[in-house]
Amino acid sequence: EKDEPGEEVRVTYRELLELTCRLGNILKRQGVKRGDRVTIYMPPCPLAVASMLACARIGAVHTVVFAGFSAESLADRIRD
């Protein structure tokens, strides 16, 4: 669901799998590998979900942060 009432995005499992695989390949091309740490800074959306799944698929540890965090809190979470 988006921020506006009544607005939503529907994604099938197949679409989510395809997006997850594409993002996983992009991450691997960027040098991300099993055991690496990735911080995902995105609003809640299907792309954010696929990003988390892509990290899990290639074995990268991920954390998710959102814009609502203060700069200090954001830095702490990234360091952790």
C-alpha atoms as a PDB file:
ATOM      1  CA  GLU A   1       0.000   0.000   0.000  1.00  0.00           C
ATOM      2  CA  LYS A   2       1.189   3.474  -0.793  1.00  0.00           C
ATOM      3  CA  ASP A   3       0.908   6.550   1.414  1.00  0.00           C
ATOM      4  CA  GLU A   4      -2.289   7.718  -0.257  1.00  0.00           C
ATOM      5  CA  PRO A   5      -5.432   5.834   0.806  1.00  0.00           C
ATOM      6  CA  GLY A   6      -6.648   3.466  -1.877  1.00  0.00           C
ATOM      7  CA  GLU A   7      -3.366   3.417  -3.791  1.00  0.00           C
ATOM      8  CA  GLU A   8      -1.625   0.078  -3.901  1.00  0.00           C
ATOM      9  CA  VAL A   9       0.836  -1.862  -6.008  1.00  0.00           C
ATOM     10  CA  ARG A  10       0.182  -5.535  -6.669  1.00  0.00           C
ATOM     11  CA  VAL A  11       3.091  -7.833  -7.422  1.00  0.00           C
ATOM     12  CA  THR A  12       2.817 -11.521  -8.263  1.00  0.00           C
ATOM     13  CA  TYR A  13       5.208 -14.066  -6.806  1.00  0.00           C
ATOM     14  CA  ARG A  14       6.708 -14.517 -10.266  1.00  0.00           C
ATOM     15  CA  GLU A  15       7.309 -10.773 -10.667  1.00  0.00           C
ATOM     16  CA  LEU A  16       8.877 -10.628  -7.211  1.00  0.00           C
ATOM     17  CA  LEU A  17      11.148 -13.581  -8.016  1.00  0.00           C
ATOM     18  CA  GLU A  18      12.269 -12.014 -11.314  1.00  0.00           C
ATOM     19  CA  LEU A  19      12.975  -8.673  -9.635  1.00  0.00           C
ATOM     20  CA  THR A  20      14.809 -10.397  -6.787  1.00  0.00           C
ATOM     21  CA  CYS A  21      17.024 -12.342  -9.216  1.00  0.00           C
ATOM     22  CA  ARG A  22      17.817  -9.208 -11.234  1.00  0.00           C
ATOM     23  CA  LEU A  23      18.740  -7.269  -8.096  1.00  0.00           C
ATOM     24  CA  GLY A  24      20.860 -10.171  -6.858  1.00  0.00           C
ATOM     25  CA  ASN A  25      22.781 -10.160 -10.134  1.00  0.00           C
ATOM     26  CA  ILE A  26      23.270  -6.394  -9.906  1.00  0.00           C
ATOM     27  CA  LEU A  27      24.612  -6.727  -6.371  1.00  0.00           C
ATOM     28  CA  LYS A  28      27.004  -9.489  -7.451  1.00  0.00           C
ATOM     29  CA  ARG A  29      28.261  -7.375 -10.357  1.00  0.00           C
ATOM     30  CA  GLN A  30      28.937  -4.606  -7.852  1.00  0.00           C
ATOM     31  CA  GLY A  31      31.111  -7.024  -5.880  1.00  0.00           C
ATOM     32  CA  VAL A  32      28.689  -7.963  -3.097  1.00  0.00           C
ATOM     33  CA  LYS A  33      29.230 -11.558  -2.006  1.00  0.00           C
ATOM     34  CA  ARG A  34      28.243 -14.035   0.684  1.00  0.00           C
ATOM     35  CA  GLY A  35      28.906 -12.614   4.143  1.00  0.00           C
ATOM     36  CA  ASP A  36      29.111  -8.969   3.023  1.00  0.00           C
ATOM     37  CA  ARG A  37      26.992  -6.405   4.833  1.00  0.00           C
ATOM     38  CA  VAL A  38      24.469  -4.283   2.948  1.00  0.00           C
ATOM     39  CA  THR A  39      22.386  -1.379   4.262  1.00  0.00           C
ATOM     40  CA  ILE A  40      19.144  -0.759   2.405  1.00  0.00           C
ATOM     41  CA  TYR A  41      17.883   2.827   2.560  1.00  0.00           C
ATOM     42  CA  MET A  42      14.566   2.840   0.733  1.00  0.00           C
ATOM     43  CA  PRO A  43      10.934   3.608   1.477  1.00  0.00           C
ATOM     44  CA  PRO A  44       8.676   0.603   2.054  1.00  0.00           C
ATOM     45  CA  CYS A  45       7.835  -0.652  -1.450  1.00  0.00           C
ATOM     46  CA  PRO A  46       8.054  -3.818  -3.553  1.00  0.00           C
ATOM     47  CA  LEU A  47      11.582  -2.854  -4.658  1.00  0.00           C
ATOM     48  CA  ALA A  48      12.708  -2.691  -1.022  1.00  0.00           C
ATOM     49  CA  VAL A  49      11.276  -6.156  -0.378  1.00  0.00           C
ATOM     50  CA  ALA A  50      13.016  -7.522  -3.474  1.00  0.00           C
ATOM     51  CA  SER A  51      16.277  -5.898  -2.325  1.00  0.00           C
ATOM     52  CA  MET A  52      16.074  -7.658   1.035  1.00  0.00           C
ATOM     53  CA  LEU A  53      15.315 -10.968  -0.664  1.00  0.00           C
ATOM     54  CA  ALA A  54      18.166 -10.461  -3.140  1.00  0.00           C
ATOM     55  CA  CYS A  55      20.617  -9.958  -0.275  1.00  0.00           C
ATOM     56  CA  ALA A  56      19.361 -13.111   1.413  1.00  0.00           C
ATOM     57  CA  ARG A  57      19.538 -15.004  -1.894  1.00  0.00           C
ATOM     58  CA  ILE A  58      23.246 -14.239  -2.380  1.00  0.00           C
ATOM     59  CA  GLY A  59      24.069 -14.657   1.312  1.00  0.00           C
ATOM     60  CA  ALA A  60      24.734 -11.004   2.135  1.00  0.00           C
ATOM     61  CA  VAL A  61      23.689  -9.777   5.567  1.00  0.00           C
ATOM     62  CA  HIS A  62      21.343  -6.818   5.268  1.00  0.00           C
ATOM     63  CA  THR A  63      19.812  -4.163   7.463  1.00  0.00           C
ATOM     64  CA  VAL A  64      17.013  -1.798   6.562  1.00  0.00           C
ATOM     65  CA  VAL A  65      16.888   1.867   7.555  1.00  0.00           C
ATOM     66  CA  PHE A  66      14.281   4.478   6.748  1.00  0.00           C
ATOM     67  CA  ALA A  67      14.289   8.253   6.409  1.00  0.00           C
ATOM     68  CA  GLY A  68      12.583   8.673   9.794  1.00  0.00           C
ATOM     69  CA  PHE A  69      15.841   7.918  11.640  1.00  0.00           C
ATOM     70  CA  SER A  70      18.010  10.779  12.871  1.00  0.00           C
ATOM     71  CA  ALA A  71      21.473  11.128  11.338  1.00  0.00           C
ATOM     72  CA  GLU A  72      23.098   9.782  14.518  1.00  0.00           C
ATOM     73  CA  SER A  73      20.688   6.849  14.762  1.00  0.00           C
ATOM     74  CA  LEU A  74      21.197   6.099  11.088  1.00  0.00           C
ATOM     75  CA  ALA A  75      24.996   6.095  11.494  1.00  0.00           C
ATOM     76  CA  ASP A  76      24.727   3.799  14.534  1.00  0.00           C
ATOM     77  CA  ARG A  77      22.553   1.313  12.665  1.00  0.00           C
ATOM     78  CA  ILE A  78      24.889   1.272   9.659  1.00  0.00           C
ATOM     79  CA  ARG A  79      27.925   0.711  11.909  1.00  0.00           C
ATOM     80  CA  ASP A  80      26.122  -2.096  13.778  1.00  0.00           C
END
